[in-house]
Amino acid sequence: MTKHKVRVIVTLKNGVLDPQGLAIKHVIDSLGKTGFEEVRQGKMFDLVVTAETSQAALAAAQDAAKTVLSNPILETFVCSLVS
């Protein structure tokens, strides 16, 4: 068994209102920063998973992301191995 680091990024689905993103965008605009068309807020998790293979670790992280780390009705997630 080997330890594998997996990064999970959770974001709101397109079309879901993102009040935190809107608030951050407002602050960016009020500071005179330009070129920012949209801001979407999300969450990031770094998991260390003990598994036989990196693919098994990724599968375990995807299961955790689907069942614990995200709300599948409102959010989507991406899992990736980190070296």
C-alpha atoms as a PDB file:
ATOM      1  CA  MET A   1       0.000   0.000   0.000  1.00  0.00           C
ATOM      2  CA  THR A   2       1.237   3.436  -0.955  1.00  0.00           C
ATOM      3  CA  LYS A   3       0.173   6.935   0.040  1.00  0.00           C
ATOM      4  CA  HIS A   4      -1.234   9.031  -2.799  1.00  0.00           C
ATOM      5  CA  LYS A   5      -2.157  12.712  -2.690  1.00  0.00           C
ATOM      6  CA  VAL A   6      -5.410  13.599  -4.432  1.00  0.00           C
ATOM      7  CA  ARG A   7      -6.748  17.130  -4.875  1.00  0.00           C
ATOM      8  CA  VAL A   8     -10.520  17.608  -5.031  1.00  0.00           C
ATOM      9  CA  ILE A   9     -11.918  20.891  -6.341  1.00  0.00           C
ATOM     10  CA  VAL A  10     -15.630  21.476  -5.723  1.00  0.00           C
ATOM     11  CA  THR A  11     -17.519  24.278  -7.477  1.00  0.00           C
ATOM     12  CA  LEU A  12     -21.107  25.281  -7.939  1.00  0.00           C
ATOM     13  CA  LYS A  13     -22.709  24.017 -11.131  1.00  0.00           C
ATOM     14  CA  ASN A  14     -23.213  26.483 -13.957  1.00  0.00           C
ATOM     15  CA  GLY A  15     -26.533  28.248 -13.502  1.00  0.00           C
ATOM     16  CA  VAL A  16     -26.445  28.032  -9.689  1.00  0.00           C
ATOM     17  CA  LEU A  17     -26.346  31.477  -8.071  1.00  0.00           C
ATOM     18  CA  ASP A  18     -22.977  32.125  -6.398  1.00  0.00           C
ATOM     19  CA  PRO A  19     -23.486  34.950  -3.851  1.00  0.00           C
ATOM     20  CA  GLN A  20     -19.907  34.694  -2.538  1.00  0.00           C
ATOM     21  CA  GLY A  21     -18.534  34.950  -6.050  1.00  0.00           C
ATOM     22  CA  LEU A  22     -20.728  37.992  -6.706  1.00  0.00           C
ATOM     23  CA  ALA A  23     -19.536  39.640  -3.466  1.00  0.00           C
ATOM     24  CA  ILE A  24     -15.890  39.005  -4.359  1.00  0.00           C
ATOM     25  CA  LYS A  25     -16.479  40.390  -7.870  1.00  0.00           C
ATOM     26  CA  HIS A  26     -18.048  43.509  -6.337  1.00  0.00           C
ATOM     27  CA  VAL A  27     -14.971  44.075  -4.142  1.00  0.00           C
ATOM     28  CA  ILE A  28     -12.624  43.559  -7.097  1.00  0.00           C
ATOM     29  CA  ASP A  29     -14.629  46.106  -9.112  1.00  0.00           C
ATOM     30  CA  SER A  30     -14.733  48.585  -6.209  1.00  0.00           C
ATOM     31  CA  LEU A  31     -10.929  48.417  -5.956  1.00  0.00           C
ATOM     32  CA  GLY A  32     -10.688  49.508  -9.578  1.00  0.00           C
ATOM     33  CA  LYS A  33      -9.391  46.182 -10.860  1.00  0.00           C
ATOM     34  CA  THR A  34     -10.391  45.586 -14.479  1.00  0.00           C
ATOM     35  CA  GLY A  35     -10.779  42.602 -16.761  1.00  0.00           C
ATOM     36  CA  PHE A  36     -12.558  40.331 -14.296  1.00  0.00           C
ATOM     37  CA  GLU A  37     -15.721  39.195 -16.077  1.00  0.00           C
ATOM     38  CA  GLU A  38     -16.931  36.649 -13.521  1.00  0.00           C
ATOM     39  CA  VAL A  39     -15.865  35.187 -10.174  1.00  0.00           C
ATOM     40  CA  ARG A  40     -16.969  31.740  -9.002  1.00  0.00           C
ATOM     41  CA  GLN A  41     -16.112  30.583  -5.490  1.00  0.00           C
ATOM     42  CA  GLY A  42     -15.304  26.956  -4.670  1.00  0.00           C
ATOM     43  CA  LYS A  43     -13.633  24.607  -2.203  1.00  0.00           C
ATOM     44  CA  MET A  44     -10.394  22.644  -2.445  1.00  0.00           C
ATOM     45  CA  PHE A  45      -9.504  19.510  -0.481  1.00  0.00           C
ATOM     46  CA  ASP A  46      -6.120  17.759  -0.415  1.00  0.00           C
ATOM     47  CA  LEU A  47      -6.533  14.118   0.557  1.00  0.00           C
ATOM     48  CA  VAL A  48      -3.814  11.596   1.340  1.00  0.00           C
ATOM     49  CA  VAL A  49      -5.178   8.180   0.433  1.00  0.00           C
ATOM     50  CA  THR A  50      -3.501   4.850   1.154  1.00  0.00           C
ATOM     51  CA  ALA A  51      -4.193   2.459  -1.710  1.00  0.00           C
ATOM     52  CA  GLU A  52      -2.579  -0.228  -3.870  1.00  0.00           C
ATOM     53  CA  THR A  53      -2.488   1.998  -6.971  1.00  0.00           C
ATOM     54  CA  SER A  54      -2.904   5.642  -7.861  1.00  0.00           C
ATOM     55  CA  GLN A  55      -6.074   4.758  -9.778  1.00  0.00           C
ATOM     56  CA  ALA A  56      -7.534   3.087  -6.670  1.00  0.00           C
ATOM     57  CA  ALA A  57      -6.683   6.195  -4.635  1.00  0.00           C
ATOM     58  CA  LEU A  58      -8.341   8.394  -7.250  1.00  0.00           C
ATOM     59  CA  ALA A  59     -11.452   6.199  -7.226  1.00  0.00           C
ATOM     60  CA  ALA A  60     -11.643   6.389  -3.414  1.00  0.00           C
ATOM     61  CA  ALA A  61     -11.310  10.182  -3.530  1.00  0.00           C
ATOM     62  CA  GLN A  62     -14.019  10.424  -6.195  1.00  0.00           C
ATOM     63  CA  ASP A  63     -16.345   8.372  -4.007  1.00  0.00           C
ATOM     64  CA  ALA A  64     -15.637  10.640  -1.009  1.00  0.00           C
ATOM     65  CA  ALA A  65     -16.171  13.725  -3.161  1.00  0.00           C
ATOM     66  CA  LYS A  66     -19.495  12.413  -4.426  1.00  0.00           C
ATOM     67  CA  THR A  67     -20.831  11.299  -1.034  1.00  0.00           C
ATOM     68  CA  VAL A  68     -19.257  13.665   1.518  1.00  0.00           C
ATOM     69  CA  LEU A  69     -17.339  16.602   0.070  1.00  0.00           C
ATOM     70  CA  SER A  70     -19.924  17.893  -2.401  1.00  0.00           C
ATOM     71  CA  ASN A  71     -23.654  18.333  -2.804  1.00  0.00           C
ATOM     72  CA  PRO A  72     -24.343  16.651  -6.163  1.00  0.00           C
ATOM     73  CA  ILE A  73     -27.533  18.668  -6.654  1.00  0.00           C
ATOM     74  CA  LEU A  74     -25.723  22.035  -6.573  1.00  0.00           C
ATOM     75  CA  GLU A  75     -22.039  21.255  -7.032  1.00  0.00           C
ATOM     76  CA  THR A  76     -19.637  19.492  -9.345  1.00  0.00           C
ATOM     77  CA  PHE A  77     -16.143  18.242  -8.544  1.00  0.00           C
ATOM     78  CA  VAL A  78     -12.857  17.329 -10.175  1.00  0.00           C
ATOM     79  CA  CYS A  79     -10.306  14.954  -8.645  1.00  0.00           C
ATOM     80  CA  SER A  80      -6.673  14.848  -9.716  1.00  0.00           C
ATOM     81  CA  LEU A  81      -3.516  13.168  -8.513  1.00  0.00           C
ATOM     82  CA  VAL A  82      -0.904  15.536  -7.088  1.00  0.00           C
ATOM     83  CA  SER A  83       2.784  14.655  -7.261  1.00  0.00           C
END
